[in-house]
């Protein structure tokens, strides 16, 4: 099992990942903020009540940079 707090700590310390997870309107990353960026943005980190030990999170990046240009 991995708690939300443990996942948050791991993601915050991972190179190339930006955790933007403020529980307020606009406190999450969208594709608009990722254009031209090399990193991967993670938001809305939550426990998944439908799966034992599950986590839900929103992941977004500039796919032209991360998926094509940087590989």
Protein backbone atom coordinates (compact mmCIF):
# COMPACT_ATOMS: atom_id res chain seq x y z
CA UNK A 1 0.00 0.00 0.00
CA UNK A 2 1.11 3.55 -0.77
CA UNK A 3 -0.62 6.44 0.94
CA UNK A 4 -1.42 9.72 -0.78
CA UNK A 5 1.12 11.46 1.45
CA UNK A 6 3.85 8.94 0.53
CA UNK A 7 3.03 9.31 -3.17
CA UNK A 8 3.11 13.09 -2.82
CA UNK A 9 6.56 12.92 -1.19
CA UNK A 10 7.92 10.65 -3.93
CA UNK A 11 6.52 12.83 -6.72
CA UNK A 12 7.83 16.05 -5.16
CA UNK A 13 11.34 14.57 -5.07
CA UNK A 14 11.30 13.16 -8.59
CA UNK A 15 13.28 15.01 -11.28
CA UNK A 16 11.24 16.14 -14.26
CA UNK A 17 7.93 16.07 -12.36
CA UNK A 18 6.09 19.13 -11.12
CA UNK A 19 3.39 18.41 -8.56
CA UNK A 20 0.72 21.10 -8.69
CA UNK A 21 -2.03 19.96 -6.37
CA UNK A 22 -3.78 22.78 -4.58
CA UNK A 23 -7.31 21.96 -3.52
CA UNK A 24 -8.93 25.09 -4.92
CA UNK A 25 -10.30 26.24 -8.25
CA UNK A 26 -7.41 26.49 -10.70
CA UNK A 27 -5.00 24.66 -8.38
CA UNK A 28 -4.11 22.02 -10.95
CA UNK A 29 -2.15 21.78 -14.19
CA UNK A 30 -3.84 21.85 -17.58
CA UNK A 31 -2.42 21.26 -21.06
CA UNK A 32 -2.27 25.03 -21.62
CA UNK A 33 0.36 25.48 -18.87
CA UNK A 34 2.47 22.63 -20.28
CA UNK A 35 3.04 23.96 -23.80
CA UNK A 36 6.77 24.32 -24.41
CA UNK A 37 7.74 22.72 -21.08
CA UNK A 38 9.93 19.63 -20.77
CA UNK A 39 8.49 18.39 -17.49
CA UNK A 40 5.52 16.23 -16.59
CA UNK A 41 2.86 17.89 -14.47
CA UNK A 42 0.90 15.90 -11.89
CA UNK A 43 -2.26 17.19 -10.24
CA UNK A 44 -5.34 16.04 -8.36
CA UNK A 45 -3.61 13.29 -6.39
CA UNK A 46 -6.30 11.35 -4.51
CA UNK A 47 -7.01 7.94 -3.02
CA UNK A 48 -9.13 5.79 -5.33
CA UNK A 49 -12.05 4.43 -3.31
CA UNK A 50 -12.89 1.84 -5.99
CA UNK A 51 -9.56 -0.04 -5.92
CA UNK A 52 -7.74 -1.44 -2.91
CA UNK A 53 -4.50 0.55 -2.52
CA UNK A 54 -5.40 2.63 -5.60
CA UNK A 55 -4.46 6.23 -6.36
CA UNK A 56 -5.92 8.63 -8.89
CA UNK A 57 -3.92 11.46 -10.40
CA UNK A 58 -4.04 13.80 -13.36
CA UNK A 59 -0.92 13.74 -15.55
CA UNK A 60 -0.29 16.18 -18.37
CA UNK A 61 2.69 17.19 -20.50
CA UNK A 62 3.60 18.74 -23.82
CA UNK A 63 3.54 15.52 -25.84
CA UNK A 64 5.51 17.00 -28.71
CA UNK A 65 8.39 17.73 -26.35
CA UNK A 66 8.18 14.88 -23.89
CA UNK A 67 6.94 12.25 -26.29
CA UNK A 68 8.88 13.15 -29.41
CA UNK A 69 11.61 15.78 -29.12
CA UNK A 70 13.27 14.60 -25.91
CA UNK A 71 13.36 10.86 -26.62
